[in-house]
Amino acid sequence: MPRLPLLTADPDGLLERTRARLGRVPNLYATLANSPAALGGYLALHEQLGSGALGPKLREQLALLTAQHNECTYCVSAHTLRGRRLLHLTDEQLARAREGADDTDPHADAVLRLADRILHTRGRVTDEELATARAAGVTDAELAEITAHLALNTLSNWFNHLAQPVLDFPEVPA
């Protein structure tokens, strides 16, 4: 049962911005709108990262990895659907992303493996792990964005745990 209400009033236009970008307003966003500051900050970071060095496929894979790490069924479900429909990722690719790997692209694999280490060590990766990622072509801009994506997705995962919005995607258990 949801712990926070879904908002439909939109005095700041944040829900309409969401609808324009996603085609609808998922329950996560309508619930996060209980604080326009929280939703506005989330949207701002999401939009900025959308024009960064990491492409859509890697951003989706990072979202899946983070959601799996944080055991967020809402976000695993949402990003599985998005990965399938918009990015045409296979079930195997979706599963591997949740494990922190990509068997089809060495660069993406390096990004996901490092991201997995960042999640498990809370950012305290070793010099060797960082050197391995750099040797695979991971740039300094990507390093910064990987960390930002993990933070953004952790925000939505943790908020979902707190608010427990109704799942409005086909369920994929974390």
C-alpha atoms as a PDB file:
ATOM      1  CA  MET A   1       0.000   0.000   0.000  1.00  0.00           C
ATOM      2  CA  PRO A   2       1.394   3.433  -0.935  1.00  0.00           C
ATOM      3  CA  ARG A   3       2.724   5.471   1.952  1.00  0.00           C
ATOM      4  CA  LEU A   4       2.583   8.845   0.167  1.00  0.00           C
ATOM      5  CA  PRO A   5      -0.151  10.158  -2.109  1.00  0.00           C
ATOM      6  CA  LEU A   6       0.137  10.436  -5.875  1.00  0.00           C
ATOM      7  CA  LEU A   7      -0.156  14.102  -6.745  1.00  0.00           C
ATOM      8  CA  THR A   8      -2.000  15.391  -9.773  1.00  0.00           C
ATOM      9  CA  ALA A   9      -1.878  19.100  -8.970  1.00  0.00           C
ATOM     10  CA  ASP A  10       1.060  20.565 -10.837  1.00  0.00           C
ATOM     11  CA  PRO A  11       1.607  24.231  -9.903  1.00  0.00           C
ATOM     12  CA  ASP A  12       5.295  24.078 -10.823  1.00  0.00           C
ATOM     13  CA  GLY A  13       4.778  22.259 -14.142  1.00  0.00           C
ATOM     14  CA  LEU A  14       7.055  19.396 -13.084  1.00  0.00           C
ATOM     15  CA  LEU A  15       4.557  16.654 -13.779  1.00  0.00           C
ATOM     16  CA  GLU A  16       3.812  18.132 -17.200  1.00  0.00           C
ATOM     17  CA  ARG A  17       7.562  18.201 -17.926  1.00  0.00           C
ATOM     18  CA  THR A  18       7.646  14.536 -16.971  1.00  0.00           C
ATOM     19  CA  ARG A  19       4.653  13.739 -19.183  1.00  0.00           C
ATOM     20  CA  ALA A  20       6.246  15.559 -22.126  1.00  0.00           C
ATOM     21  CA  ARG A  21       9.502  13.628 -21.714  1.00  0.00           C
ATOM     22  CA  LEU A  22       8.114  10.159 -20.917  1.00  0.00           C
ATOM     23  CA  GLY A  23       4.654  10.242 -22.492  1.00  0.00           C
ATOM     24  CA  ARG A  24       3.043   9.701 -19.083  1.00  0.00           C
ATOM     25  CA  VAL A  25       3.689  10.329 -15.395  1.00  0.00           C
ATOM     26  CA  PRO A  26       4.870   7.153 -13.650  1.00  0.00           C
ATOM     27  CA  ASN A  27       3.776   6.767 -10.033  1.00  0.00           C
ATOM     28  CA  LEU A  28       7.337   7.345  -8.814  1.00  0.00           C
ATOM     29  CA  TYR A  29       7.270  10.889 -10.222  1.00  0.00           C
ATOM     30  CA  ALA A  30       3.729  11.633  -9.038  1.00  0.00           C
ATOM     31  CA  THR A  31       4.751  10.540  -5.546  1.00  0.00           C
ATOM     32  CA  LEU A  32       8.093  12.374  -5.561  1.00  0.00           C
ATOM     33  CA  ALA A  33       6.065  15.494  -6.457  1.00  0.00           C
ATOM     34  CA  ASN A  34       5.047  15.668  -2.790  1.00  0.00           C
ATOM     35  CA  SER A  35       8.208  17.780  -2.669  1.00  0.00           C
ATOM     36  CA  PRO A  36       8.585  19.980  -5.748  1.00  0.00           C
ATOM     37  CA  ALA A  37      12.195  20.545  -4.673  1.00  0.00           C
ATOM     38  CA  ALA A  38      12.908  16.796  -4.660  1.00  0.00           C
ATOM     39  CA  LEU A  39      11.189  16.166  -8.002  1.00  0.00           C
ATOM     40  CA  GLY A  40      12.737  19.268  -9.553  1.00  0.00           C
ATOM     41  CA  GLY A  41      16.214  18.255  -8.427  1.00  0.00           C
ATOM     42  CA  TYR A  42      15.708  14.713  -9.666  1.00  0.00           C
ATOM     43  CA  LEU A  43      14.483  15.922 -13.064  1.00  0.00           C
ATOM     44  CA  ALA A  44      17.305  18.447 -13.392  1.00  0.00           C
ATOM     45  CA  LEU A  45      20.003  15.855 -12.728  1.00  0.00           C
ATOM     46  CA  HIS A  46      18.270  13.334 -15.001  1.00  0.00           C
ATOM     47  CA  GLU A  47      18.038  15.864 -17.832  1.00  0.00           C
ATOM     48  CA  GLN A  48      21.655  17.008 -17.486  1.00  0.00           C
ATOM     49  CA  LEU A  49      22.970  13.460 -17.465  1.00  0.00           C
ATOM     50  CA  GLY A  50      20.864  12.699 -20.542  1.00  0.00           C
ATOM     51  CA  SER A  51      23.137  14.942 -22.581  1.00  0.00           C
ATOM     52  CA  GLY A  52      26.377  13.641 -21.114  1.00  0.00           C
ATOM     53  CA  ALA A  53      29.100  11.305 -22.301  1.00  0.00           C
ATOM     54  CA  LEU A  54      27.201   8.073 -21.567  1.00  0.00           C
ATOM     55  CA  GLY A  55      24.712   6.942 -24.190  1.00  0.00           C
ATOM     56  CA  PRO A  56      21.140   5.757 -23.619  1.00  0.00           C
ATOM     57  CA  LYS A  57      22.034   2.048 -23.509  1.00  0.00           C
ATOM     58  CA  LEU A  58      24.694   2.512 -20.825  1.00  0.00           C
ATOM     59  CA  ARG A  59      22.431   4.824 -18.812  1.00  0.00           C
ATOM     60  CA  GLU A  60      19.716   2.145 -18.852  1.00  0.00           C
ATOM     61  CA  GLN A  61      22.198  -0.569 -17.909  1.00  0.00           C
ATOM     62  CA  LEU A  62      23.445   1.539 -14.995  1.00  0.00           C
ATOM     63  CA  ALA A  63      19.848   2.063 -13.849  1.00  0.00           C
ATOM     64  CA  LEU A  64      19.240  -1.699 -13.936  1.00  0.00           C
ATOM     65  CA  LEU A  65      22.472  -2.444 -12.076  1.00  0.00           C
ATOM     66  CA  THR A  66      21.664   0.102  -9.379  1.00  0.00           C
ATOM     67  CA  ALA A  67      18.066  -1.056  -9.006  1.00  0.00           C
ATOM     68  CA  GLN A  68      19.204  -4.659  -8.646  1.00  0.00           C
ATOM     69  CA  HIS A  69      21.885  -3.666  -6.122  1.00  0.00           C
ATOM     70  CA  ASN A  70      19.293  -1.743  -4.090  1.00  0.00           C
ATOM     71  CA  GLU A  71      16.658  -4.483  -4.529  1.00  0.00           C
ATOM     72  CA  CYS A  72      14.142  -2.047  -6.029  1.00  0.00           C
ATOM     73  CA  THR A  73      11.489  -4.023  -7.871  1.00  0.00           C
ATOM     74  CA  TYR A  74       9.785  -0.809  -9.052  1.00  0.00           C
ATOM     75  CA  CYS A  75      12.919   0.390 -10.876  1.00  0.00           C
ATOM     76  CA  VAL A  76      13.998  -3.060 -12.121  1.00  0.00           C
ATOM     77  CA  SER A  77      10.516  -3.361 -13.627  1.00  0.00           C
ATOM     78  CA  ALA A  78      10.513   0.137 -15.159  1.00  0.00           C
ATOM     79  CA  HIS A  79      14.008  -0.110 -16.622  1.00  0.00           C
ATOM     80  CA  THR A  80      13.471  -3.646 -17.926  1.00  0.00           C
ATOM     81  CA  LEU A  81      10.440  -2.426 -19.867  1.00  0.00           C
ATOM     82  CA  ARG A  82      12.299   0.655 -21.089  1.00  0.00           C
ATOM     83  CA  GLY A  83      15.364  -1.376 -22.054  1.00  0.00           C
ATOM     84  CA  ARG A  84      13.265  -3.826 -24.056  1.00  0.00           C
ATOM     85  CA  ARG A  85      10.918  -1.380 -25.770  1.00  0.00           C
ATOM     86  CA  LEU A  86      13.112   1.625 -26.440  1.00  0.00           C
ATOM     87  CA  LEU A  87      16.606   0.185 -26.638  1.00  0.00           C
ATOM     88  CA  HIS A  88      15.756  -3.317 -27.896  1.00  0.00           C
ATOM     89  CA  LEU A  89      17.927  -4.995 -25.266  1.00  0.00           C
ATOM     90  CA  THR A  90      17.547  -8.764 -25.108  1.00  0.00           C
ATOM     91  CA  ASP A  91      16.555 -10.613 -21.959  1.00  0.00           C
ATOM     92  CA  GLU A  92      20.172 -11.789 -21.682  1.00  0.00           C
ATOM     93  CA  GLN A  93      21.496  -8.224 -21.967  1.00  0.00           C
ATOM     94  CA  LEU A  94      19.022  -7.030 -19.342  1.00  0.00           C
ATOM     95  CA  ALA A  95      20.005  -9.845 -16.984  1.00  0.00           C
ATOM     96  CA  ARG A  96      23.730  -9.220 -17.497  1.00  0.00           C
ATOM     97  CA  ALA A  97      23.300  -5.493 -16.833  1.00  0.00           C
ATOM     98  CA  ARG A  98      21.665  -6.346 -13.498  1.00  0.00           C
ATOM     99  CA  GLU A  99      24.796  -8.411 -12.736  1.00  0.00           C
ATOM    100  CA  GLY A 100      27.142  -5.583 -13.747  1.00  0.00           C
ATOM    101  CA  ALA A 101      28.362  -6.922 -17.082  1.00  0.00           C
ATOM    102  CA  ASP A 102      27.891  -6.595 -20.836  1.00  0.00           C
ATOM    103  CA  ASP A 103      29.187  -9.470 -22.964  1.00  0.00           C
ATOM    104  CA  THR A 104      28.526  -7.599 -26.218  1.00  0.00           C
ATOM    105  CA  ASP A 105      30.642  -4.454 -25.696  1.00  0.00           C
ATOM    106  CA  PRO A 106      34.033  -4.329 -23.915  1.00  0.00           C
ATOM    107  CA  HIS A 107      33.697  -0.613 -23.076  1.00  0.00           C
ATOM    108  CA  ALA A 108      30.198  -1.030 -21.635  1.00  0.00           C
ATOM    109  CA  ASP A 109      31.424  -4.081 -19.739  1.00  0.00           C
ATOM    110  CA  ALA A 110      34.229  -1.999 -18.171  1.00  0.00           C
ATOM    111  CA  VAL A 111      31.753   0.747 -17.214  1.00  0.00           C
ATOM    112  CA  LEU A 112      29.344  -1.728 -15.614  1.00  0.00           C
ATOM    113  CA  ARG A 113      32.051  -3.662 -13.792  1.00  0.00           C
ATOM    114  CA  LEU A 114      33.461  -0.443 -12.343  1.00  0.00           C
ATOM    115  CA  ALA A 115      29.963   0.784 -11.447  1.00  0.00           C
ATOM    116  CA  ASP A 116      29.329  -2.485  -9.646  1.00  0.00           C
ATOM    117  CA  ARG A 117      32.533  -2.006  -7.658  1.00  0.00           C
ATOM    118  CA  ILE A 118      31.549   1.606  -6.858  1.00  0.00           C
ATOM    119  CA  LEU A 119      28.200   0.386  -5.528  1.00  0.00           C
ATOM    120  CA  HIS A 120      29.732  -2.401  -3.458  1.00  0.00           C
ATOM    121  CA  THR A 121      32.585  -0.299  -2.044  1.00  0.00           C
ATOM    122  CA  ARG A 122      30.603   2.953  -1.709  1.00  0.00           C
ATOM    123  CA  GLY A 123      33.032   4.601  -4.102  1.00  0.00           C
ATOM    124  CA  ARG A 124      36.219   3.251  -2.587  1.00  0.00           C
ATOM    125  CA  VAL A 125      37.523   1.437  -5.662  1.00  0.00           C
ATOM    126  CA  THR A 126      41.152   0.417  -5.791  1.00  0.00           C
ATOM    127  CA  ASP A 127      43.767   2.035  -7.996  1.00  0.00           C
ATOM    128  CA  GLU A 128      43.919  -1.220  -9.927  1.00  0.00           C
ATOM    129  CA  GLU A 129      40.159  -1.256 -10.567  1.00  0.00           C
ATOM    130  CA  LEU A 130      40.309   2.325 -11.797  1.00  0.00           C
ATOM    131  CA  ALA A 131      43.335   1.569 -13.990  1.00  0.00           C
ATOM    132  CA  THR A 132      41.514  -1.417 -15.517  1.00  0.00           C
ATOM    133  CA  ALA A 133      38.534   0.783 -16.410  1.00  0.00           C
ATOM    134  CA  ARG A 134      40.777   3.455 -17.901  1.00  0.00           C
ATOM    135  CA  ALA A 135      42.673   0.835 -19.911  1.00  0.00           C
ATOM    136  CA  ALA A 136      39.299  -0.176 -21.398  1.00  0.00           C
ATOM    137  CA  GLY A 137      38.733   3.416 -22.510  1.00  0.00           C
ATOM    138  CA  VAL A 138      36.595   4.757 -19.658  1.00  0.00           C
ATOM    139  CA  THR A 139      37.180   8.518 -19.619  1.00  0.00           C
ATOM    140  CA  ASP A 140      37.281  10.933 -16.713  1.00  0.00           C
ATOM    141  CA  ALA A 141      33.954  12.420 -17.867  1.00  0.00           C
ATOM    142  CA  GLU A 142      32.448   8.938 -17.848  1.00  0.00           C
ATOM    143  CA  LEU A 143      33.834   8.270 -14.374  1.00  0.00           C
ATOM    144  CA  ALA A 144      32.068  11.374 -13.077  1.00  0.00           C
ATOM    145  CA  GLU A 145      28.836  10.481 -14.851  1.00  0.00           C
ATOM    146  CA  ILE A 146      28.886   6.859 -13.716  1.00  0.00           C
ATOM    147  CA  THR A 147      28.946   8.075 -10.133  1.00  0.00           C
ATOM    148  CA  ALA A 148      26.206  10.635 -10.823  1.00  0.00           C
ATOM    149  CA  HIS A 149      23.980   7.986 -12.437  1.00  0.00           C
ATOM    150  CA  LEU A 150      24.457   5.662  -9.478  1.00  0.00           C
ATOM    151  CA  ALA A 151      23.449   8.496  -7.139  1.00  0.00           C
ATOM    152  CA  LEU A 152      20.423   9.468  -9.251  1.00  0.00           C
ATOM    153  CA  ASN A 153      19.192   5.893  -9.458  1.00  0.00           C
ATOM    154  CA  THR A 154      19.848   5.255  -5.779  1.00  0.00           C
ATOM    155  CA  LEU A 155      17.661   8.278  -5.021  1.00  0.00           C
ATOM    156  CA  SER A 156      14.751   6.789  -6.954  1.00  0.00           C
ATOM    157  CA  ASN A 157      15.348   3.304  -5.509  1.00  0.00           C
ATOM    158  CA  TRP A 158      15.433   4.492  -1.914  1.00  0.00           C
ATOM    159  CA  PHE A 159      12.464   6.797  -2.432  1.00  0.00           C
ATOM    160  CA  ASN A 160      10.485   3.861  -3.822  1.00  0.00           C
ATOM    161  CA  HIS A 161      11.350   1.831  -0.735  1.00  0.00           C
ATOM    162  CA  LEU A 162      10.139   4.678   1.483  1.00  0.00           C
ATOM    163  CA  ALA A 163       7.012   5.716  -0.434  1.00  0.00           C
ATOM    164  CA  GLN A 164       5.977   2.324  -1.864  1.00  0.00           C
ATOM    165  CA  PRO A 165       4.109   3.690  -4.898  1.00  0.00           C
ATOM    166  CA  VAL A 166       1.857   1.273  -6.754  1.00  0.00           C
ATOM    167  CA  LEU A 167       3.873  -0.531  -9.424  1.00  0.00           C
ATOM    168  CA  ASP A 168       2.651   0.737 -12.794  1.00  0.00           C
ATOM    169  CA  PHE A 169       4.914  -1.447 -14.962  1.00  0.00           C
ATOM    170  CA  PRO A 170       4.903  -5.218 -15.582  1.00  0.00           C
ATOM    171  CA  GLU A 171       6.589  -6.658 -12.484  1.00  0.00           C
ATOM    172  CA  VAL A 172      10.147  -7.936 -12.691  1.00  0.00           C
ATOM    173  CA  PRO A 173      11.304  -8.903  -9.186  1.00  0.00           C
ATOM    174  CA  ALA A 174      14.634  -7.474  -8.062  1.00  0.00           C
END
